[in-house]
Amino acid sequence: MFYSSSLESEMKKLYNSLSEKDKRRYAAIEAQKLGWGGISYIMQLFGCSRNTIVQGIEDLEKMDETTIDNLRIRKKGGGRKSILSTQIGINEAFLEV
């Protein structure tokens, strides 16, 4: 056991609040900090697969300053469209009121 049970609990809370990419990267960082046996320990702690941690390590190796600044959770243009672009005649209806 590498961490105390109270610290493990806090780590699990943080892990569960992260996006999928961030979960991979966080698990990878923790596994790398621990050294030998770290991947197995983190796998059991977070309930993730070895492949998830390995992918996270690869993600971290590929990251540089430009990719850190350009990280997005969703594609640009996602989300709800403006009511002005989806409701035909909304301007006229507003002006009538």
C-alpha atoms as a PDB file:
ATOM      1  CA  MET A   1       0.000   0.000   0.000  1.00  0.00           C
ATOM      2  CA  PHE A   2       1.483   3.306  -1.125  1.00  0.00           C
ATOM      3  CA  TYR A   3      -1.038   5.840   0.207  1.00  0.00           C
ATOM      4  CA  SER A   4      -3.126   6.077   3.380  1.00  0.00           C
ATOM      5  CA  SER A   5      -6.805   5.163   3.132  1.00  0.00           C
ATOM      6  CA  SER A   6      -7.900   8.782   3.682  1.00  0.00           C
ATOM      7  CA  LEU A   7      -5.664   9.995   0.860  1.00  0.00           C
ATOM      8  CA  GLU A   8      -6.892   7.167  -1.387  1.00  0.00           C
ATOM      9  CA  SER A   9     -10.456   8.289  -0.747  1.00  0.00           C
ATOM     10  CA  GLU A  10      -9.645  11.873  -1.762  1.00  0.00           C
ATOM     11  CA  MET A  11      -7.816  10.652  -4.858  1.00  0.00           C
ATOM     12  CA  LYS A  12     -10.834   8.578  -5.894  1.00  0.00           C
ATOM     13  CA  LYS A  13     -13.133  11.593  -5.477  1.00  0.00           C
ATOM     14  CA  LEU A  14     -10.894  13.688  -7.689  1.00  0.00           C
ATOM     15  CA  TYR A  15     -10.533  10.900 -10.262  1.00  0.00           C
ATOM     16  CA  ASN A  16     -14.295  10.446 -10.527  1.00  0.00           C
ATOM     17  CA  SER A  17     -14.834  14.182 -11.095  1.00  0.00           C
ATOM     18  CA  LEU A  18     -12.499  14.354 -14.101  1.00  0.00           C
ATOM     19  CA  SER A  19     -13.197  13.986 -17.823  1.00  0.00           C
ATOM     20  CA  GLU A  20     -12.096  10.798 -19.568  1.00  0.00           C
ATOM     21  CA  LYS A  21      -8.867  12.354 -20.895  1.00  0.00           C
ATOM     22  CA  ASP A  22      -8.015  13.872 -17.550  1.00  0.00           C
ATOM     23  CA  LYS A  23      -8.671  10.561 -15.774  1.00  0.00           C
ATOM     24  CA  ARG A  24      -6.145   8.854 -18.052  1.00  0.00           C
ATOM     25  CA  ARG A  25      -3.541  11.531 -17.473  1.00  0.00           C
ATOM     26  CA  TYR A  26      -4.065  11.702 -13.706  1.00  0.00           C
ATOM     27  CA  ALA A  27      -3.804   7.920 -13.371  1.00  0.00           C
ATOM     28  CA  ALA A  28      -0.640   7.968 -15.491  1.00  0.00           C
ATOM     29  CA  ILE A  29       0.984  10.682 -13.391  1.00  0.00           C
ATOM     30  CA  GLU A  30       0.198   8.869 -10.142  1.00  0.00           C
ATOM     31  CA  ALA A  31       1.494   5.565 -11.527  1.00  0.00           C
ATOM     32  CA  GLN A  32       4.712   7.194 -12.696  1.00  0.00           C
ATOM     33  CA  LYS A  33       5.249   8.882  -9.321  1.00  0.00           C
ATOM     34  CA  LEU A  34       5.085   5.526  -7.574  1.00  0.00           C
ATOM     35  CA  GLY A  35       7.586   3.780  -9.825  1.00  0.00           C
ATOM     36  CA  TRP A  36       7.745  -0.014  -9.832  1.00  0.00           C
ATOM     37  CA  GLY A  37       4.309  -1.489  -9.081  1.00  0.00           C
ATOM     38  CA  GLY A  38       2.634   1.878  -9.517  1.00  0.00           C
ATOM     39  CA  ILE A  39       0.534   0.894 -12.527  1.00  0.00           C
ATOM     40  CA  SER A  40      -0.894  -2.159 -10.759  1.00  0.00           C
ATOM     41  CA  TYR A  41      -1.627  -0.163  -7.620  1.00  0.00           C
ATOM     42  CA  ILE A  42      -3.366   2.662  -9.494  1.00  0.00           C
ATOM     43  CA  MET A  43      -5.331   0.147 -11.592  1.00  0.00           C
ATOM     44  CA  GLN A  44      -6.758  -1.366  -8.432  1.00  0.00           C
ATOM     45  CA  LEU A  45      -7.290   1.976  -6.710  1.00  0.00           C
ATOM     46  CA  PHE A  46      -9.198   3.642  -9.557  1.00  0.00           C
ATOM     47  CA  GLY A  47     -10.657   0.508 -11.132  1.00  0.00           C
ATOM     48  CA  CYS A  48      -9.223   1.320 -14.540  1.00  0.00           C
ATOM     49  CA  SER A  49      -7.365  -0.878 -16.997  1.00  0.00           C
ATOM     50  CA  ARG A  50      -3.655  -1.073 -17.651  1.00  0.00           C
ATOM     51  CA  ASN A  51      -4.312   0.153 -21.200  1.00  0.00           C
ATOM     52  CA  THR A  52      -5.923   3.313 -19.798  1.00  0.00           C
ATOM     53  CA  ILE A  53      -2.803   4.144 -17.811  1.00  0.00           C
ATOM     54  CA  VAL A  54      -0.478   3.290 -20.695  1.00  0.00           C
ATOM     55  CA  GLN A  55      -2.529   5.527 -23.007  1.00  0.00           C
ATOM     56  CA  GLY A  56      -2.330   8.275 -20.403  1.00  0.00           C
ATOM     57  CA  ILE A  57       1.461   7.965 -20.301  1.00  0.00           C
ATOM     58  CA  GLU A  58       1.550   8.235 -24.101  1.00  0.00           C
ATOM     59  CA  ASP A  59      -0.731  11.287 -23.941  1.00  0.00           C
ATOM     60  CA  LEU A  60       1.601  12.967 -21.466  1.00  0.00           C
ATOM     61  CA  GLU A  61       4.661  12.242 -23.598  1.00  0.00           C
ATOM     62  CA  LYS A  62       3.001  13.791 -26.670  1.00  0.00           C
ATOM     63  CA  MET A  63       1.917  16.960 -24.845  1.00  0.00           C
ATOM     64  CA  ASP A  64       3.822  20.210 -25.227  1.00  0.00           C
ATOM     65  CA  GLU A  65       3.032  23.848 -24.478  1.00  0.00           C
ATOM     66  CA  THR A  66       0.993  24.399 -27.655  1.00  0.00           C
ATOM     67  CA  THR A  67      -1.220  21.365 -27.115  1.00  0.00           C
ATOM     68  CA  ILE A  68      -1.806  22.299 -23.486  1.00  0.00           C
ATOM     69  CA  ASP A  69      -3.136  25.708 -24.548  1.00  0.00           C
ATOM     70  CA  ASN A  70      -5.386  24.233 -27.257  1.00  0.00           C
ATOM     71  CA  LEU A  71      -7.041  21.456 -25.241  1.00  0.00           C
ATOM     72  CA  ARG A  72     -10.816  21.377 -25.569  1.00  0.00           C
ATOM     73  CA  ILE A  73     -13.308  18.961 -24.091  1.00  0.00           C
ATOM     74  CA  ARG A  74     -15.741  19.411 -26.964  1.00  0.00           C
ATOM     75  CA  LYS A  75     -15.363  20.352 -30.589  1.00  0.00           C
ATOM     76  CA  LYS A  76     -15.665  24.023 -31.437  1.00  0.00           C
ATOM     77  CA  GLY A  77     -19.220  24.940 -32.372  1.00  0.00           C
ATOM     78  CA  GLY A  78     -20.818  22.322 -30.155  1.00  0.00           C
ATOM     79  CA  GLY A  79     -23.662  23.036 -27.811  1.00  0.00           C
ATOM     80  CA  ARG A  80     -27.037  24.650 -28.193  1.00  0.00           C
ATOM     81  CA  LYS A  81     -27.485  26.949 -31.162  1.00  0.00           C
ATOM     82  CA  SER A  82     -28.715  30.512 -30.724  1.00  0.00           C
ATOM     83  CA  ILE A  83     -32.485  30.930 -30.781  1.00  0.00           C
ATOM     84  CA  LEU A  84     -32.000  33.596 -33.434  1.00  0.00           C
ATOM     85  CA  SER A  85     -30.564  31.009 -35.803  1.00  0.00           C
ATOM     86  CA  THR A  86     -33.069  28.238 -35.004  1.00  0.00           C
ATOM     87  CA  GLN A  87     -36.424  30.069 -34.786  1.00  0.00           C
ATOM     88  CA  ILE A  88     -37.514  31.541 -38.076  1.00  0.00           C
ATOM     89  CA  GLY A  89     -39.304  34.874 -37.668  1.00  0.00           C
ATOM     90  CA  ILE A  90     -38.279  35.439 -34.040  1.00  0.00           C
ATOM     91  CA  ASN A  91     -37.177  39.029 -34.786  1.00  0.00           C
ATOM     92  CA  GLU A  92     -40.547  39.901 -36.322  1.00  0.00           C
ATOM     93  CA  ALA A  93     -42.433  38.296 -33.445  1.00  0.00           C
ATOM     94  CA  PHE A  94     -40.347  40.257 -30.951  1.00  0.00           C
ATOM     95  CA  LEU A  95     -40.990  43.528 -32.731  1.00  0.00           C
ATOM     96  CA  GLU A  96     -44.761  42.852 -32.767  1.00  0.00           C
ATOM     97  CA  VAL A  97     -44.824  42.475 -29.003  1.00  0.00           C
END
